[in-house]
Amino acid sequence: MADRVYLAGPPFAEEYRRRAALLLRGAGIEPVDPMRRDFRGNTTGHEAEIVEGDLEDIRGCEAMLAAFTAPDEGTAMEAWYAHSLGKPVIAYTGGSPCHPWAAYVSAEIRADLEDAVGALVETLSRVPG
């Protein structure tokens, strides 16, 4: 069974999600995109469903790829949760400065998405399975 990786990132980062999913699949890893439950523009009243779904997805993954390309509360909370569970978080910054909290929870930090996925593959190869 393929490793599963949670794609954390800002809600409107479609290009990141598309490219990351392609790269992960190419490496034999299953991407888990929380935006498949798309509540953009309709979050009010759905907070519990959104958060609980994301938490369940994170628990079901071996690692997280987190796009810290722009400030986003959801991405930060997701990364902290994965880190608290002992799951490796690989940060993709796109060249943006990495906030100290994002750096703290991240096993690796990469400016380039391909490099971030490479670091993720390497990290997963070291995780006891």
N, C-alpha and C. Protein backbone atom coordinates (compact mmCIF):
# COMPACT_ATOMS: atom_id res chain seq x y z
N MET A 1 0.85 -1.18 0.00
CA MET A 1 0.00 0.00 0.00
C MET A 1 0.89 1.24 0.00
N ALA A 2 0.55 2.21 -0.80
CA ALA A 2 1.35 3.43 -0.92
C ALA A 2 1.23 4.30 0.33
N ASP A 3 2.34 4.98 0.64
CA ASP A 3 2.28 5.99 1.70
C ASP A 3 1.29 7.07 1.29
N ARG A 4 0.64 7.66 2.29
CA ARG A 4 -0.31 8.74 2.04
C ARG A 4 0.27 10.02 2.64
N VAL A 5 0.15 11.13 1.88
CA VAL A 5 0.68 12.42 2.31
C VAL A 5 -0.43 13.46 2.22
N TYR A 6 -0.62 14.17 3.32
CA TYR A 6 -1.62 15.23 3.41
C TYR A 6 -1.06 16.50 2.77
N LEU A 7 -1.84 17.11 1.89
CA LEU A 7 -1.43 18.36 1.22
C LEU A 7 -2.02 19.55 1.96
N ALA A 8 -1.23 20.13 2.85
CA ALA A 8 -1.65 21.33 3.57
C ALA A 8 -1.25 22.55 2.75
N GLY A 9 -2.08 23.56 2.77
CA GLY A 9 -1.75 24.80 2.06
C GLY A 9 -2.94 25.73 2.02
N PRO A 10 -2.71 26.97 1.63
CA PRO A 10 -3.80 27.94 1.55
C PRO A 10 -4.93 27.43 0.66
N PRO A 11 -6.17 27.83 0.97
CA PRO A 11 -7.33 27.31 0.23
C PRO A 11 -7.30 27.54 -1.28
N PHE A 12 -6.69 28.61 -1.73
CA PHE A 12 -6.73 28.92 -3.17
C PHE A 12 -5.41 28.62 -3.87
N ALA A 13 -4.65 27.67 -3.32
CA ALA A 13 -3.36 27.31 -3.90
C ALA A 13 -3.53 26.12 -4.85
N GLU A 14 -4.39 26.28 -5.86
CA GLU A 14 -4.70 25.19 -6.78
C GLU A 14 -3.47 24.68 -7.53
N GLU A 15 -2.61 25.59 -7.99
CA GLU A 15 -1.43 25.18 -8.75
C GLU A 15 -0.49 24.34 -7.88
N TYR A 16 -0.30 24.75 -6.64
CA TYR A 16 0.51 23.95 -5.70
C TYR A 16 -0.08 22.55 -5.56
N ARG A 17 -1.37 22.47 -5.33
CA ARG A 17 -2.02 21.17 -5.11
C ARG A 17 -1.90 20.29 -6.36
N ARG A 18 -2.11 20.87 -7.53
CA ARG A 18 -2.02 20.11 -8.78
C ARG A 18 -0.62 19.58 -8.99
N ARG A 19 0.38 20.46 -8.88
CA ARG A 19 1.78 20.05 -9.09
C ARG A 19 2.24 19.06 -8.03
N ALA A 20 1.90 19.32 -6.78
CA ALA A 20 2.31 18.43 -5.70
C ALA A 20 1.70 17.04 -5.89
N ALA A 21 0.43 16.98 -6.25
CA ALA A 21 -0.22 15.69 -6.46
C ALA A 21 0.46 14.90 -7.58
N LEU A 22 0.81 15.58 -8.68
CA LEU A 22 1.50 14.92 -9.79
C LEU A 22 2.86 14.38 -9.35
N LEU A 23 3.62 15.21 -8.65
CA LEU A 23 4.94 14.79 -8.19
C LEU A 23 4.85 13.63 -7.21
N LEU A 24 3.90 13.69 -6.30
CA LEU A 24 3.75 12.62 -5.31
C LEU A 24 3.34 11.31 -5.99
N ARG A 25 2.36 11.39 -6.88
CA ARG A 25 1.94 10.17 -7.58
C ARG A 25 3.10 9.59 -8.37
N GLY A 26 3.91 10.45 -8.98
CA GLY A 26 5.07 9.99 -9.73
C GLY A 26 6.08 9.27 -8.85
N ALA A 27 6.07 9.58 -7.56
CA ALA A 27 6.97 8.93 -6.61
C ALA A 27 6.31 7.73 -5.92
N GLY A 28 5.09 7.38 -6.36
CA GLY A 28 4.39 6.24 -5.77
C GLY A 28 3.72 6.55 -4.45
N ILE A 29 3.43 7.84 -4.21
CA ILE A 29 2.82 8.28 -2.96
C ILE A 29 1.41 8.80 -3.26
N GLU A 30 0.46 8.46 -2.40
CA GLU A 30 -0.91 8.91 -2.58
C GLU A 30 -1.13 10.27 -1.91
N PRO A 31 -1.44 11.31 -2.71
CA PRO A 31 -1.74 12.62 -2.10
C PRO A 31 -3.16 12.62 -1.53
N VAL A 32 -3.30 13.24 -0.38
CA VAL A 32 -4.62 13.40 0.24
C VAL A 32 -4.89 14.91 0.30
N ASP A 33 -5.80 15.35 -0.55
CA ASP A 33 -6.10 16.77 -0.67
C ASP A 33 -7.38 17.11 0.09
N PRO A 34 -7.26 17.87 1.19
CA PRO A 34 -8.46 18.20 1.95
C PRO A 34 -9.44 19.09 1.18
N MET A 35 -8.97 19.72 0.10
CA MET A 35 -9.86 20.59 -0.67
C MET A 35 -10.85 19.80 -1.52
N ARG A 36 -10.79 18.49 -1.47
CA ARG A 36 -11.83 17.70 -2.13
C ARG A 36 -13.17 17.94 -1.44
N ARG A 37 -13.10 18.36 -0.18
CA ARG A 37 -14.28 18.81 0.56
C ARG A 37 -14.26 20.34 0.48
N ASP A 38 -14.67 20.88 -0.62
CA ASP A 38 -14.49 22.31 -0.90
C ASP A 38 -15.60 23.15 -0.26
N PHE A 39 -15.23 23.86 0.80
CA PHE A 39 -16.16 24.75 1.49
C PHE A 39 -15.81 26.22 1.25
N ARG A 40 -14.91 26.50 0.30
CA ARG A 40 -14.50 27.89 0.06
C ARG A 40 -15.74 28.75 -0.20
N GLY A 41 -15.82 29.86 0.52
CA GLY A 41 -16.94 30.77 0.38
C GLY A 41 -18.18 30.31 1.13
N ASN A 42 -18.11 29.17 1.79
CA ASN A 42 -19.26 28.61 2.48
C ASN A 42 -18.83 27.89 3.76
N THR A 43 -17.92 28.52 4.52
CA THR A 43 -17.41 27.86 5.72
C THR A 43 -18.29 28.04 6.94
N THR A 44 -19.03 29.12 7.00
CA THR A 44 -19.85 29.41 8.18
C THR A 44 -20.87 28.30 8.39
N GLY A 45 -20.86 27.77 9.60
CA GLY A 45 -21.76 26.68 9.95
C GLY A 45 -21.19 25.31 9.65
N HIS A 46 -20.05 25.25 8.97
CA HIS A 46 -19.42 23.98 8.61
C HIS A 46 -18.06 23.79 9.28
N GLU A 47 -17.76 24.64 10.28
CA GLU A 47 -16.44 24.61 10.90
C GLU A 47 -16.08 23.23 11.45
N ALA A 48 -16.99 22.61 12.18
CA ALA A 48 -16.70 21.29 12.77
C ALA A 48 -16.47 20.25 11.68
N GLU A 49 -17.28 20.26 10.66
CA GLU A 49 -17.12 19.30 9.55
C GLU A 49 -15.78 19.48 8.85
N ILE A 50 -15.39 20.73 8.64
CA ILE A 50 -14.12 21.03 7.97
C ILE A 50 -12.96 20.55 8.83
N VAL A 51 -12.92 21.00 10.08
CA VAL A 51 -11.78 20.69 10.95
C VAL A 51 -11.72 19.20 11.25
N GLU A 52 -12.83 18.59 11.60
CA GLU A 52 -12.82 17.16 11.93
C GLU A 52 -12.42 16.31 10.72
N GLY A 53 -12.85 16.69 9.53
CA GLY A 53 -12.44 15.98 8.32
C GLY A 53 -10.95 16.11 8.08
N ASP A 54 -10.42 17.32 8.26
CA ASP A 54 -8.98 17.53 8.09
C ASP A 54 -8.18 16.73 9.11
N LEU A 55 -8.61 16.75 10.37
CA LEU A 55 -7.90 16.01 11.41
C LEU A 55 -7.90 14.51 11.12
N GLU A 56 -9.02 13.99 10.65
CA GLU A 56 -9.10 12.57 10.30
C GLU A 56 -8.15 12.25 9.15
N ASP A 57 -8.12 13.11 8.14
CA ASP A 57 -7.20 12.91 7.01
C ASP A 57 -5.75 12.91 7.48
N ILE A 58 -5.39 13.85 8.35
CA ILE A 58 -4.01 13.94 8.83
C ILE A 58 -3.64 12.67 9.59
N ARG A 59 -4.54 12.20 10.44
CA ARG A 59 -4.27 10.96 11.19
C ARG A 59 -4.08 9.77 10.25
N GLY A 60 -4.73 9.78 9.10
CA GLY A 60 -4.65 8.68 8.16
C GLY A 60 -3.47 8.75 7.21
N CYS A 61 -2.63 9.75 7.37
CA CYS A 61 -1.46 9.92 6.49
C CYS A 61 -0.17 9.64 7.25
N GLU A 62 0.86 9.31 6.48
CA GLU A 62 2.17 9.06 7.08
C GLU A 62 2.97 10.35 7.25
N ALA A 63 2.65 11.38 6.46
CA ALA A 63 3.42 12.63 6.50
C ALA A 63 2.57 13.75 5.93
N MET A 64 3.13 14.96 5.98
CA MET A 64 2.46 16.14 5.45
C MET A 64 3.42 16.94 4.60
N LEU A 65 2.91 17.43 3.47
CA LEU A 65 3.60 18.42 2.66
C LEU A 65 2.84 19.72 2.89
N ALA A 66 3.50 20.72 3.47
CA ALA A 66 2.83 21.96 3.85
C ALA A 66 3.36 23.13 3.04
N ALA A 67 2.47 23.79 2.31
CA ALA A 67 2.84 24.98 1.54
C ALA A 67 2.78 26.19 2.45
N PHE A 68 3.94 26.64 2.87
CA PHE A 68 4.05 27.87 3.65
C PHE A 68 4.50 28.99 2.72
N THR A 69 3.79 29.13 1.62
CA THR A 69 4.11 30.14 0.60
C THR A 69 3.47 31.47 0.91
N ALA A 70 2.48 31.48 1.79
CA ALA A 70 1.77 32.69 2.23
C ALA A 70 1.20 32.39 3.60
N PRO A 71 1.03 33.41 4.44
CA PRO A 71 0.45 33.18 5.77
C PRO A 71 -0.94 32.57 5.66
N ASP A 72 -1.18 31.50 6.41
CA ASP A 72 -2.48 30.85 6.41
C ASP A 72 -2.67 30.11 7.73
N GLU A 73 -3.69 30.48 8.47
CA GLU A 73 -3.93 29.89 9.79
C GLU A 73 -4.19 28.39 9.70
N GLY A 74 -4.97 27.98 8.71
CA GLY A 74 -5.31 26.56 8.58
C GLY A 74 -4.07 25.71 8.36
N THR A 75 -3.19 26.15 7.47
CA THR A 75 -1.97 25.39 7.20
C THR A 75 -1.13 25.28 8.46
N ALA A 76 -1.01 26.37 9.21
CA ALA A 76 -0.23 26.36 10.44
C ALA A 76 -0.83 25.39 11.46
N MET A 77 -2.14 25.40 11.60
CA MET A 77 -2.79 24.51 12.57
C MET A 77 -2.63 23.05 12.14
N GLU A 78 -2.80 22.78 10.85
CA GLU A 78 -2.64 21.41 10.35
C GLU A 78 -1.22 20.91 10.59
N ALA A 79 -0.23 21.76 10.30
CA ALA A 79 1.16 21.37 10.49
C ALA A 79 1.46 21.10 11.97
N TRP A 80 0.95 21.95 12.83
CA TRP A 80 1.17 21.73 14.26
C TRP A 80 0.55 20.39 14.70
N TYR A 81 -0.65 20.10 14.22
CA TYR A 81 -1.31 18.85 14.59
C TYR A 81 -0.50 17.64 14.10
N ALA A 82 -0.07 17.66 12.85
CA ALA A 82 0.74 16.55 12.32
C ALA A 82 2.01 16.38 13.15
N HIS A 83 2.66 17.49 13.44
CA HIS A 83 3.88 17.46 14.25
C HIS A 83 3.60 16.86 15.63
N SER A 84 2.48 17.24 16.24
CA SER A 84 2.14 16.74 17.57
C SER A 84 1.89 15.23 17.56
N LEU A 85 1.51 14.69 16.41
CA LEU A 85 1.30 13.24 16.27
C LEU A 85 2.58 12.50 15.92
N GLY A 86 3.68 13.25 15.74
CA GLY A 86 4.95 12.64 15.37
C GLY A 86 5.08 12.35 13.88
N LYS A 87 4.21 12.95 13.08
CA LYS A 87 4.27 12.75 11.63
C LYS A 87 5.21 13.79 11.03
N PRO A 88 6.08 13.39 10.11
CA PRO A 88 6.99 14.38 9.51
C PRO A 88 6.24 15.39 8.66
N VAL A 89 6.63 16.64 8.82
CA VAL A 89 6.09 17.75 8.03
C VAL A 89 7.23 18.28 7.18
N ILE A 90 7.02 18.33 5.88
CA ILE A 90 7.99 18.92 4.96
C ILE A 90 7.40 20.23 4.48
N ALA A 91 8.13 21.31 4.71
CA ALA A 91 7.66 22.64 4.34
C ALA A 91 8.15 23.02 2.95
N TYR A 92 7.22 23.52 2.15
CA TYR A 92 7.52 24.11 0.85
C TYR A 92 7.23 25.60 0.98
N THR A 93 8.24 26.44 0.75
CA THR A 93 8.07 27.88 0.96
C THR A 93 7.92 28.70 -0.31
N GLY A 94 8.32 28.15 -1.44
CA GLY A 94 8.28 28.94 -2.67
C GLY A 94 9.22 30.13 -2.62
N GLY A 95 10.16 30.11 -1.68
CA GLY A 95 11.11 31.20 -1.52
C GLY A 95 10.70 32.22 -0.48
N SER A 96 9.51 32.09 0.08
CA SER A 96 9.08 32.99 1.16
C SER A 96 9.85 32.67 2.43
N PRO A 97 10.11 33.68 3.27
CA PRO A 97 10.77 33.38 4.55
C PRO A 97 9.90 32.45 5.38
N CYS A 98 10.53 31.51 6.05
CA CYS A 98 9.81 30.54 6.87
C CYS A 98 9.63 31.10 8.29
N HIS A 99 8.40 31.19 8.73
CA HIS A 99 8.08 31.66 10.07
C HIS A 99 8.71 30.70 11.09
N PRO A 100 9.18 31.21 12.23
CA PRO A 100 9.81 30.33 13.23
C PRO A 100 8.93 29.16 13.66
N TRP A 101 7.64 29.35 13.78
CA TRP A 101 6.77 28.24 14.18
C TRP A 101 6.69 27.19 13.07
N ALA A 102 6.63 27.63 11.82
CA ALA A 102 6.62 26.69 10.70
C ALA A 102 7.93 25.92 10.66
N ALA A 103 9.03 26.61 10.87
CA ALA A 103 10.33 25.95 10.88
C ALA A 103 10.41 24.94 12.03
N TYR A 104 9.87 25.28 13.17
CA TYR A 104 9.91 24.41 14.34
C TYR A 104 9.22 23.07 14.09
N VAL A 105 8.07 23.09 13.42
CA VAL A 105 7.31 21.86 13.21
C VAL A 105 7.76 21.08 11.97
N SER A 106 8.64 21.64 11.19
CA SER A 106 9.03 21.03 9.92
C SER A 106 10.32 20.23 10.04
N ALA A 107 10.29 19.01 9.50
CA ALA A 107 11.49 18.17 9.47
C ALA A 107 12.47 18.68 8.42
N GLU A 108 11.96 19.25 7.34
CA GLU A 108 12.75 19.80 6.24
C GLU A 108 12.04 21.03 5.71
N ILE A 109 12.82 21.98 5.20
CA ILE A 109 12.27 23.19 4.59
C ILE A 109 12.92 23.36 3.23
N ARG A 110 12.09 23.50 2.20
CA ARG A 110 12.59 23.65 0.84
C ARG A 110 11.84 24.76 0.12
N ALA A 111 12.58 25.57 -0.65
CA ALA A 111 11.97 26.65 -1.43
C ALA A 111 11.32 26.13 -2.70
N ASP A 112 11.84 25.04 -3.24
CA ASP A 112 11.38 24.48 -4.51
C ASP A 112 10.48 23.28 -4.26
N LEU A 113 9.36 23.18 -4.96
CA LEU A 113 8.41 22.10 -4.73
C LEU A 113 9.00 20.74 -5.05
N GLU A 114 9.74 20.64 -6.16
CA GLU A 114 10.35 19.35 -6.50
C GLU A 114 11.33 18.91 -5.41
N ASP A 115 12.10 19.86 -4.87
CA ASP A 115 13.03 19.54 -3.78
C ASP A 115 12.27 19.12 -2.52
N ALA A 116 11.15 19.78 -2.26
CA ALA A 116 10.34 19.43 -1.08
C ALA A 116 9.81 18.01 -1.20
N VAL A 117 9.33 17.65 -2.39
CA VAL A 117 8.83 16.29 -2.59
C VAL A 117 9.98 15.29 -2.48
N GLY A 118 11.15 15.63 -3.01
CA GLY A 118 12.31 14.77 -2.86
C GLY A 118 12.67 14.55 -1.39
N ALA A 119 12.64 15.62 -0.61
CA ALA A 119 12.91 15.52 0.83
C ALA A 119 11.85 14.66 1.51
N LEU A 120 10.62 14.78 1.08
CA LEU A 120 9.53 13.97 1.63
C LEU A 120 9.74 12.49 1.33
N VAL A 121 10.09 12.18 0.10
CA VAL A 121 10.36 10.79 -0.28
C VAL A 121 11.49 10.23 0.57
N GLU A 122 12.56 11.00 0.73
CA GLU A 122 13.70 10.57 1.55
C GLU A 122 13.28 10.37 3.01
N THR A 123 12.50 11.29 3.52
CA THR A 123 12.03 11.19 4.91
C THR A 123 11.17 9.95 5.11
N LEU A 124 10.26 9.69 4.18
CA LEU A 124 9.40 8.52 4.30
C LEU A 124 10.19 7.22 4.21
N SER A 125 11.29 7.24 3.47
CA SER A 125 12.11 6.02 3.36
C SER A 125 12.78 5.67 4.69
N ARG A 126 12.89 6.66 5.58
CA ARG A 126 13.53 6.44 6.88
C ARG A 126 12.53 6.13 7.99
N VAL A 127 11.23 6.30 7.70
CA VAL A 127 10.20 6.07 8.72
C VAL A 127 9.95 4.57 8.82
N PRO A 128 10.05 4.01 10.02
CA PRO A 128 9.78 2.57 10.17
C PRO A 128 8.36 2.26 9.72
N GLY A 129 8.21 1.23 8.96
CA GLY A 129 6.89 0.90 8.44
C GLY A 129 6.50 -0.43 8.77
